[in-house]
Every structure is written in C-alpha cells, then in structure tokens.
Amino acid sequence: MGAAFLASWPWDNLGFFKYVLYGPLVGKAVASRAWEPSSPDHWLFLLLALFALRAFTYQLWSSYSNMLFLTRRRRIVRDGVDFEQIDKEWDWDNFLILQILMAATALYAFPSLRHLPGWDARGLAVAALLHVAATEPLFYVAHRAGFHGDRLFPRYHALHHSMKVPTPFTAGFATPLEHLVLGALMALPLAGACAAGVGSAGLAFAYVLAFDFLRAMGHCNVELFPAGLFRALPLLRYLIYTPTYHTVHHTGKEANFCLFMPLFDRLGGTLDANSWELQAKNRAGADEVPDFVFLAHVVDVMQSMHVPFVMRTFASTPFAVRAFLLPLWPISLCFMFMVWAWSKTFVISYYHLRGKLHQTWAVPRYGFHYFLPFAKDGINDQIELAILRADKMGVKVVSLAALNKNEALNGGGTLFVNKHPDLRVRVVHGNTLTAAVILNEIPEGTAEVFMTGATSKLGRAIALYLCRKKIRVMMMTLSKDRFQRIQKEASPEHQQYLVQVTKFQSAGHCKTWIVGKWLSPREQRWAPPGTHFHQFVVPPILGFRRDCTYGKLAAMRLPKDARGLGSCEFSLERGVVHACHAGGVVHFLEGYTHHEVGAIDVDRIDLVWEAALKHGIRPV
C-alpha cells in the first residue's frame, strides 16, 4: 500500500533549505519596508512576527521542560528523550510553514483582512464563544472519530503517538492533513470575529499565541497546576486540561480526546476517571535518587549553550561553534555571571542504564575559573557540597570530570575523602580507565613514545605502565626531581626505559606523541611527518599539522542498552562519553567499594579496562 494522501511533508527532502519557502513573504516584506506602519504591506510584517513568536513559544516551553533543576520532580513520564525521538521531531516546525502559507493565502483572497484595526475588545468575546461552541467540539469529533478511527489512525495519527515521551515539539510532530484540520479549526474563531466586524490584529496575536501556548503546555511532560486549585474550584477541571490529562491520552489512546477543555470528554464519555488523581500525584512530585552522578563543569561561554534547556536539537549533536550562537553570546555571558554569583550544582541531563538512573550534574563554574587563584576555595566548596548532597541522597558513585579533579585543586579528589572519611558515596576520578583508553590506542609493536605532561597524575601512570611493557618513554620535563621520583617507582629492570628530555628536538624521530600538556604550533613542528598525537590535555590541542594525525580526548561508548540518551557530551559523538565518565560507570557496575582518588594504581589499569569491555562499554 502506498503512502496515504497528505501523510508526509512535500519539503521533507529539502532539510534546512525548507526555510526558503518563507522567502517570497520575507522578500516582499523587505522590498516594501513592511515594518513601517504606513506601508501597504504592513500586514506581512505582522504575519511574519506572529509566526516567529509562535516558534519562540514552543522553544520556550521546550527549554522549560528540559530545566531538570526546576522540573525533574514533576515530570510525568520519567524516561529521557532519546536521540531517535529528537531526530523524528527535528522538523517539528513544518506545520508553521504550512499554516503561514494558509494564512497568507487567506489574506490575499480577502484583502479587507490586511487592514484590521490594532485591537477591538468585542472580538475577544466573539472568539471565545466560537472557540467553545465550534473549535472545541469539532476538534473532539475529528480527533476521536476521525484520527483515532481504524482507517485514519494507522495512516496519520499513529505518527504523533509514536513519541515515547511527550515534549512541546511533539505538538508539532504530525502529518500535513492533521495540521490542515487543526489550522482550519484554529482559524474559525478569528474568521467569525472578522465576519462580525470585530476582528483585529491584536486578537489574531492573542488567540493564536494562546492556542500554541496551551498545546505546548499540554505536551510539556511537566505537571504545572496545583492540585488544590481543582479542589477549591471543581468546575475548573472541565474548563482547562493539564499536562497529566493529555499525557494520559498519549499513553492510553482511548480517553481524554479534548483540545483544551475536558468538558467535551465528559459529555462524550471519554474522560479518564484517574486523570485528577494522577495529576495530584505528579504535582506533588518525588525526586528519583540517581545511583551514579557525573560531576561536570562548563567549559566556556559558547559551550554553556550546548545543553538541552537552551536548544535541545543543538545539544543532541557534538558541540561546535555555530554562527547562530553568536547573537546569544552576550546573554550567555550574563548567565555566566549569574550562576557564578548565586547558583549551586544543578542537574543537566540523565539516562537509564540497566534500570538504574545516571545523572550529570554541573558545577556552576567555567573552565577559566579553575585557573584563578582566588576561585580555588569556592570551587572546592561547590564540589564538596555536591558530594555531601549525593551522599545524603544515597547516590552510590560520584565521578569527577575534567578540572573538578585537578591535582592542584583537590589532589584528584583526595581532599574530600580525607575531610569526610565516613562518606558512603564513592568518589571516583575515573582516570584509571582514561589511562587504559590511551594505552590501548597505542599500536602494538611501538618501541618508543614521546610524552608531555609526563609528571601529571595520568602521565605518571602511563609512563610507568609503558616502561613495564619495555617501551622507551621520553618524558618531557625540566624538573629532574619529578622525573627521578617517577623513575624510582619503576622496578630496577624497567627504570632504563624512562628517559628525561628537556627539548622538543630530542623527539624529532619519534612518531608517537602522548600529549598531556598544551603544545603550540611551534612545538608541534618538531614532530616528524606521520606522527600521531594521543591526547589527555584539556582543552585538546589544535591540529596545525596536515601531515600528522590527532587523536581526540579519551572516550568510550556507553552500552547499547543505555536508555534516554539525548545529549552529546561536549564535542563527542552520540552515545560516547569521556573516559572518566565511563570509569565512574564501571566503578558503579562492578560494585567497587573503594574511592578512586589521588594517584592512579597502575596495577588496576588492565583490570578496569577488562571490566569496561565486560559491561559493553566499548572503545570509540
């Protein structure tokens, strides 16, 4: 059987270029200076402004529903929105293109509509009456008897119901036929008001934006209404639906068919009797306790926008600086000062692995803060409070990300473990697995490597491991004392494989560089052609050499049974996390009872690597 009529969008294959369809309207608006009130095409400016505000309404609701630090206790469906759903809803705004073309057609067909007054209060009463008397009942009939019927549901409406977790963008995820019907029903009250001579541009803005506001709210997956409101005003429950009410429809498909007013479900005998009990339960909320927490921090102002509560679609792709971020940079800069001054650690994202909740929390500090001497105590206070909060909640493992475990900051987490010896939560830096990932990237048969950052926690462990394998390690360090301390940790038979070098020229013949300290373009030029740079430096070095290859930061792919993954960890691809994150997951899955802080235990590198593979955590 072929595709049903109007079951797919005609511009599906255009991708981003679908927005060219706005071109004729935008071009005419610019050519006629439609933003000027005296312009004969001022209606075009108002039309484009209205549809921009419509898109912004859905985006604001999406941002709100993804603010887990505000909404997680009142979420209705507790599963996370995964990449598959995000990709399906990527073109959620197709209906706006359709409906602006419908509106423009109507305005061209009826020229008098282009010259409506700014406001007429009488129109509001007419529109409200027509909404209740026409739009609501007609939608109920079309939705229940039509799109939930045996013929239309599998061809059309099943697409909308295929989303596992309702989101504001789910409201727009439907077929052209459904949005044609919805657009016509939405236009009825406005057309009636205009026919009665009381229509206005203000009414169009107010009614259409309220319509979108309520549709996005119903799909936001966060319960908003206090249960006491409906107890105090029982009739109100039949006049306005709630997010829980509509979610019952999405999960059961056999009740709660109304547009916005449950009155019509009551009249039609399709009101789920448990809707209000569920609504009260969801509003009361309950905080799920995660078993594992990855304690991250913000990298910089640009990266701070790479989170689901800013732009969900952008956060679902690996981070890169994009042109559309530039206008938002000043806002993000102000946000940085706000969180620096007032914020505590907050929840960013979550996923489920084998029935257990894993969350990412963010310390409200940016990368540069970690290099300000006066900020050190404040950062440690934030991390300590997060660890104590996790301990009180019953979290099993907290894994410290990147600079949160900096040796100069807190000794790789040692500070917190020594200060609180009775911690039940295990504090983990995850660097054992990070070292394992880097070591397993080195090709078999390698006889010699050059290393910068060799005296760091990671560098030390990598150097000691390699010398045990009888691989010569040229350690770039100016400190003879530090080099000798590491050399003494090696057994006498392996000490000969550790060599101190003080100049980059000494590595001019070595094609395997392990980089734990930033390299300038001038320093990189000493590497011979064909060199591969393995990295554990944060941020990673920039690839200036076209005749060399550059590895990414150590990372691993989460197991295939991870559910609800919907955001990328910084610049890593989907489903991939930094090795220190994966190291914390292994610590939890294995049920290790020790803290992994301070110096890396070289004897455990292979053990942790094999445990990661056993649990389906794979190298990238």
Foldseek 3Di string as FASTA:
>chain_A
DDADPQQADPCVVVPPCVCCLCVVLVVVCVVQVLCDPPGLNVLSVLLVVLLVVLVVLLLLLQLVLQQCLPFQQLFQDNAFQAAVNCVLLVVLCPLSSVLSVVVVVVCVVPVVVSDFAAAFVVLVVQLVVCCVVPLFVVQLCCQVVNCLPPPNVVNWVVQLLVGPAFALSSLSNTTRVVSVVNSVSLCVSQVRSVVVVRHHSNVVSVSVSVLSNQSRQLRHRGWDDALVVCVVPVQVCQQAPGNLQVVCCSVVVQASSTSTGNVVSVVVVRRDPCSSVSSNVSNVGDDDQAQEEEEAEAADLLSVCLASSNPLSSQLFADDDDPVCVVVSVVSVVVLVVCVVDNAKGWGFWWDDPNGIYTYIYGSDYNVLLVDVVSLVVLVVRVLVVQVVSQVSVHAEYEYDDSSQACVRQQRVPNNCVVCVPRNHAYEPLLLQLLLLLLVVDDPPAQEEEEEPLLGQSNLLNQQLVLVVNHAYEYADPDPVSQVVSLVVHPPVSSVSYHYDHDLLVCLPPQEYEYQDEDDPVSVVSHYFAHEYHYQHVPDYDDPDPRYHYDHRWKWADAPRITNQRGDDHRDGGRIDHSSSLSRVLCSVVVPRHHHGHHHDSVCSVVSVVSCVVNRTGGD
